Amino acid sequence: MLFTGFWYDHDVRLTRDSEGEVADTVLYGPLCMNIDVVRRSVQLPPLAVGDRLVIGPTGAYNNTQWMQFIEYRPAIALIHMDGSHSAIRLAEGLDDMCRLDVTPAHLAEPFARPRPVRAA
């Protein structure tokens, strides 16, 4: 969910050596919707499931603008000037999404308990 993709043509690179003929590609994020276009036109070779792309520079505004919609938010890495990297936020999971949820006591058991049946 790279909102600045609407205004900027971020650099997109594969993390592996490219194989195959490059072609003009529309690069969508995880939503595959018109609000989730990372690049409207970028030259990429055929991609396989699990291929990773480096997209940048993206900057801090993407952290403040993204939303949790369909996908958990990914980890964030800081790339240092010497090429080394550090994790600055870990990836979210289901536990993170549910951690602050609270169920009111009167909704904890949403179905009425059956009444005991009396023998006739």
Protein backbone atom coordinates (compact mmCIF):
# COMPACT_ATOMS: atom_id res chain seq x y z
CA MET A 1 0.00 0.00 0.00
CA LEU A 2 2.28 2.67 -1.34
CA PHE A 3 0.17 5.81 -1.54
CA THR A 4 2.98 7.91 -2.95
CA GLY A 5 2.94 5.60 -5.98
CA PHE A 6 0.18 7.89 -7.33
CA TRP A 7 2.64 10.80 -7.56
CA TYR A 8 6.12 9.33 -7.89
CA ASP A 9 7.77 6.71 -10.05
CA HIS A 10 9.65 4.89 -7.34
CA ASP A 11 12.67 2.85 -8.37
CA VAL A 12 11.78 -0.86 -8.50
CA ARG A 13 14.51 -3.52 -8.41
CA LEU A 14 14.54 -7.30 -8.03
CA THR A 15 16.56 -8.75 -5.18
CA ARG A 16 17.82 -11.50 -7.49
CA ASP A 17 19.41 -11.49 -10.94
CA SER A 18 16.71 -10.95 -13.54
CA GLU A 19 15.93 -13.73 -15.97
CA GLY A 20 13.73 -13.51 -19.02
CA GLU A 21 12.66 -10.70 -21.26
CA VAL A 22 11.61 -7.49 -19.55
CA ALA A 23 8.18 -6.08 -20.37
CA ASP A 24 6.14 -3.03 -19.49
CA THR A 25 4.31 -3.98 -16.30
CA VAL A 26 1.70 -2.45 -14.01
CA LEU A 27 2.80 -3.18 -10.46
CA TYR A 28 -0.05 -3.53 -7.98
CA GLY A 29 0.20 -3.92 -4.22
CA PRO A 30 -1.62 -6.60 -2.22
CA LEU A 31 -5.11 -5.19 -2.83
CA CYS A 32 -4.97 -5.39 -6.65
CA MET A 33 -7.30 -2.40 -6.78
CA ASN A 34 -7.02 1.01 -8.42
CA ILE A 35 -6.02 2.56 -5.08
CA ASP A 36 -3.07 0.20 -4.78
CA VAL A 37 -0.94 0.88 -7.87
CA VAL A 38 2.76 1.06 -7.00
CA ARG A 39 3.86 1.80 -10.57
CA ARG A 40 1.66 2.33 -13.62
CA SER A 41 4.55 1.42 -15.89
CA VAL A 42 7.82 -0.31 -15.01
CA GLN A 43 10.10 -2.62 -16.98
CA LEU A 44 10.27 -5.99 -15.18
CA PRO A 45 11.20 -9.53 -16.18
CA PRO A 46 8.71 -12.35 -15.51
CA LEU A 47 8.21 -12.65 -11.74
CA ALA A 48 7.64 -15.82 -9.74
CA VAL A 49 5.71 -16.29 -6.51
CA GLY A 50 8.00 -15.28 -3.67
CA ASP A 51 10.17 -12.90 -5.70
CA ARG A 52 11.05 -9.81 -3.71
CA LEU A 53 11.25 -6.27 -4.99
CA VAL A 54 13.01 -3.28 -3.48
CA ILE A 55 10.97 -0.11 -3.95
CA GLY A 56 12.41 3.25 -3.02
CA PRO A 57 13.00 5.77 -1.95
CA THR A 58 9.66 5.79 -0.19
CA GLY A 59 10.15 7.87 2.96
CA ALA A 60 8.25 8.26 6.19
CA TYR A 61 4.93 9.39 4.72
CA ASN A 62 4.16 5.86 3.60
CA ASN A 63 4.28 4.69 7.24
CA THR A 64 1.78 7.31 8.33
CA GLN A 65 -0.55 6.86 5.34
CA TRP A 66 -0.84 3.10 5.08
CA MET A 67 -3.78 1.17 6.45
CA GLN A 68 -4.40 -2.37 7.59
CA PHE A 69 -6.77 -3.54 4.91
CA ILE A 70 -6.81 -7.16 3.79
CA GLU A 71 -3.06 -7.51 4.49
CA TYR A 72 -1.04 -7.25 7.67
CA ARG A 73 1.53 -4.47 7.61
CA PRO A 74 4.99 -5.76 6.61
CA ALA A 75 8.27 -5.35 8.41
CA ILE A 76 10.19 -2.13 7.84
CA ALA A 77 13.91 -2.16 7.21
CA LEU A 78 16.29 0.78 7.39
CA ILE A 79 19.04 0.61 4.77
CA HIS A 80 22.19 2.29 6.09
CA MET A 81 24.61 4.29 3.95
CA ASP A 82 27.14 1.41 4.04
CA GLY A 83 24.53 -1.02 2.62
CA SER A 84 23.85 -2.81 5.88
CA HIS A 85 20.29 -2.89 7.20
CA SER A 86 18.34 -2.94 10.46
CA ALA A 87 14.76 -3.90 11.23
CA ILE A 88 12.93 -0.89 12.64
CA ARG A 89 9.45 -2.47 12.77
CA LEU A 90 8.57 -6.16 12.80
CA ALA A 91 5.85 -7.59 10.57
CA GLU A 92 2.33 -7.76 12.00
CA GLY A 93 0.39 -10.95 12.55
CA LEU A 94 -3.06 -11.96 13.77
CA ASP A 95 -2.04 -11.63 17.44
CA ASP A 96 -1.06 -8.01 16.82
CA MET A 97 -4.39 -7.28 15.18
CA CYS A 98 -6.39 -8.79 18.07
CA ARG A 99 -4.26 -7.62 21.01
CA LEU A 100 -6.37 -4.53 21.79
CA ASP A 101 -9.78 -6.08 21.10
CA VAL A 102 -12.12 -6.33 24.09
CA THR A 103 -15.41 -8.24 24.21
CA PRO A 104 -17.97 -6.71 26.60
CA ALA A 105 -19.20 -9.21 29.20
CA HIS A 106 -22.79 -9.12 27.94
CA LEU A 107 -21.59 -10.17 24.47
CA ALA A 108 -19.20 -12.88 25.61
CA GLU A 109 -21.91 -15.52 25.19
CA PRO A 110 -23.96 -14.36 22.22
CA PHE A 111 -26.48 -17.24 22.32
CA ALA A 112 -29.00 -17.79 25.08
CA ARG A 113 -28.55 -20.99 27.01
CA PRO A 114 -31.31 -23.52 26.34
CA ARG A 115 -33.91 -23.84 29.07
CA PRO A 116 -34.06 -27.22 30.83
CA VAL A 117 -36.86 -29.44 29.55
CA ARG A 118 -39.29 -30.61 32.27
CA ALA A 119 -40.60 -34.14 32.17
CA ALA A 120 -44.37 -34.29 31.71
